[in-house]
Amino acid sequence: MARDNLTKYTLSYDDRKETWTLTNDKTDRTVKTFDTKAEAIQGGVLEQAVGKEGGSVKIQKLDGKYQEERTYPRSKDPTSSKG
């Protein structure tokens, strides 16, 4: 399955709420919030938040630049990607 067919999400810092927010890129709706970035990226938490359908999560740094992108479940990661 191509990455283009996956639901896309972004994990970013919300300055107003002082939390990390996982947002669906298409609907711009918040899926889940976290107190810290470490809490969000620790073992399996993002995968659970994305759900059974899976998706691609872009993780931002505090400055807004992208740190990395993860695909859940891993089996949906295209073979041509470096990750």
C-alpha atoms as a PDB file:
ATOM      1  CA  MET A   1       0.000   0.000   0.000  1.00  0.00           C
ATOM      2  CA  ALA A   2       1.415   3.375  -0.943  1.00  0.00           C
ATOM      3  CA  ARG A   3       2.054   6.029   1.638  1.00  0.00           C
ATOM      4  CA  ASP A   4      -0.298   8.340  -0.305  1.00  0.00           C
ATOM      5  CA  ASN A   5      -3.237   6.111   0.669  1.00  0.00           C
ATOM      6  CA  LEU A   6      -2.479   6.369   4.381  1.00  0.00           C
ATOM      7  CA  THR A   7      -4.186   8.882   6.632  1.00  0.00           C
ATOM      8  CA  LYS A   8      -1.649  11.584   7.492  1.00  0.00           C
ATOM      9  CA  TYR A   9      -1.130  12.976  10.986  1.00  0.00           C
ATOM     10  CA  THR A  10       1.195  15.531  12.553  1.00  0.00           C
ATOM     11  CA  LEU A  11       2.496  15.560  16.119  1.00  0.00           C
ATOM     12  CA  SER A  12       3.286  19.179  17.023  1.00  0.00           C
ATOM     13  CA  TYR A  13       3.637  21.439  20.037  1.00  0.00           C
ATOM     14  CA  ASP A  14       0.665  23.679  20.845  1.00  0.00           C
ATOM     15  CA  ASP A  15       2.035  26.886  22.416  1.00  0.00           C
ATOM     16  CA  ARG A  16      -1.368  28.029  23.689  1.00  0.00           C
ATOM     17  CA  LYS A  17      -2.176  24.805  25.543  1.00  0.00           C
ATOM     18  CA  GLU A  18       1.459  23.874  26.256  1.00  0.00           C
ATOM     19  CA  THR A  19       0.821  20.306  25.099  1.00  0.00           C
ATOM     20  CA  TRP A  20       1.831  18.054  22.231  1.00  0.00           C
ATOM     21  CA  THR A  21      -1.065  17.475  19.839  1.00  0.00           C
ATOM     22  CA  LEU A  22      -1.636  14.689  17.320  1.00  0.00           C
ATOM     23  CA  THR A  23      -3.737  16.155  14.503  1.00  0.00           C
ATOM     24  CA  ASN A  24      -5.351  14.580  11.441  1.00  0.00           C
ATOM     25  CA  ASP A  25      -3.885  16.601   8.555  1.00  0.00           C
ATOM     26  CA  LYS A  26      -6.955  16.251   6.320  1.00  0.00           C
ATOM     27  CA  THR A  27      -9.631  17.214   8.867  1.00  0.00           C
ATOM     28  CA  ASP A  28      -7.412  19.391  11.100  1.00  0.00           C
ATOM     29  CA  ARG A  29      -9.037  17.695  14.101  1.00  0.00           C
ATOM     30  CA  THR A  30      -7.124  16.796  17.243  1.00  0.00           C
ATOM     31  CA  VAL A  31      -6.878  13.042  17.698  1.00  0.00           C
ATOM     32  CA  LYS A  32      -5.056  13.039  21.037  1.00  0.00           C
ATOM     33  CA  THR A  33      -3.037  15.370  23.269  1.00  0.00           C
ATOM     34  CA  PHE A  34       0.019  14.579  25.376  1.00  0.00           C
ATOM     35  CA  ASP A  35       1.744  16.430  28.204  1.00  0.00           C
ATOM     36  CA  THR A  36       5.203  15.725  26.782  1.00  0.00           C
ATOM     37  CA  LYS A  37       6.687  14.652  23.479  1.00  0.00           C
ATOM     38  CA  ALA A  38       8.360  11.714  25.208  1.00  0.00           C
ATOM     39  CA  GLU A  39       4.956  10.500  26.387  1.00  0.00           C
ATOM     40  CA  ALA A  40       3.653  10.648  22.805  1.00  0.00           C
ATOM     41  CA  ILE A  41       6.491   8.776  21.098  1.00  0.00           C
ATOM     42  CA  GLN A  42       7.125   6.059  23.678  1.00  0.00           C
ATOM     43  CA  GLY A  43       6.400   2.435  22.758  1.00  0.00           C
ATOM     44  CA  GLY A  44       3.176   2.054  20.835  1.00  0.00           C
ATOM     45  CA  VAL A  45       1.340   5.185  22.015  1.00  0.00           C
ATOM     46  CA  LEU A  46       1.171   6.847  18.572  1.00  0.00           C
ATOM     47  CA  GLU A  47       0.205   3.557  16.945  1.00  0.00           C
ATOM     48  CA  GLN A  48      -2.741   3.220  19.322  1.00  0.00           C
ATOM     49  CA  ALA A  49      -3.780   6.829  18.694  1.00  0.00           C
ATOM     50  CA  VAL A  50      -3.716   6.325  14.920  1.00  0.00           C
ATOM     51  CA  GLY A  51      -5.883   3.212  15.220  1.00  0.00           C
ATOM     52  CA  LYS A  52      -6.272  -0.039  13.319  1.00  0.00           C
ATOM     53  CA  GLU A  53      -6.463   1.653   9.921  1.00  0.00           C
ATOM     54  CA  GLY A  54      -2.943   2.966  10.404  1.00  0.00           C
ATOM     55  CA  GLY A  55      -1.390   6.101   9.080  1.00  0.00           C
ATOM     56  CA  SER A  56       1.683   8.209   8.571  1.00  0.00           C
ATOM     57  CA  VAL A  57       2.771  10.475  11.459  1.00  0.00           C
ATOM     58  CA  LYS A  58       5.121  13.430  10.937  1.00  0.00           C
ATOM     59  CA  ILE A  59       6.807  14.384  14.208  1.00  0.00           C
ATOM     60  CA  GLN A  60       7.864  18.005  14.621  1.00  0.00           C
ATOM     61  CA  LYS A  61      10.472  19.573  16.868  1.00  0.00           C
ATOM     62  CA  LEU A  62       9.653  22.527  19.132  1.00  0.00           C
ATOM     63  CA  ASP A  63      10.836  24.912  16.413  1.00  0.00           C
ATOM     64  CA  GLY A  64       8.294  23.452  13.936  1.00  0.00           C
ATOM     65  CA  LYS A  65      10.837  21.658  11.732  1.00  0.00           C
ATOM     66  CA  TYR A  66      10.180  17.993  11.041  1.00  0.00           C
ATOM     67  CA  GLN A  67      12.183  15.509  13.081  1.00  0.00           C
ATOM     68  CA  GLU A  68      10.990  12.257  11.500  1.00  0.00           C
ATOM     69  CA  GLU A  69       8.057  10.424   9.939  1.00  0.00           C
ATOM     70  CA  ARG A  70       6.686   7.094  11.165  1.00  0.00           C
ATOM     71  CA  THR A  71       4.243   4.697   9.504  1.00  0.00           C
ATOM     72  CA  TYR A  72       1.804   2.573  11.514  1.00  0.00           C
ATOM     73  CA  PRO A  73       1.503  -0.341  11.266  1.00  0.00           C
ATOM     74  CA  ARG A  74       5.007  -0.837  10.010  1.00  0.00           C
ATOM     75  CA  SER A  75       3.771  -3.330   7.410  1.00  0.00           C
ATOM     76  CA  LYS A  76       2.179  -0.394   5.506  1.00  0.00           C
ATOM     77  CA  ASP A  77       5.537   1.360   5.164  1.00  0.00           C
ATOM     78  CA  PRO A  78       6.464   1.433   1.454  1.00  0.00           C
ATOM     79  CA  THR A  79       9.483  -0.707   0.631  1.00  0.00           C
ATOM     80  CA  SER A  80      11.077   2.230  -1.199  1.00  0.00           C
ATOM     81  CA  SER A  81      11.268   4.419   1.938  1.00  0.00           C
ATOM     82  CA  LYS A  82      14.500   4.811   3.891  1.00  0.00           C
ATOM     83  CA  GLY A  83      12.741   4.285   7.237  1.00  0.00           C
END
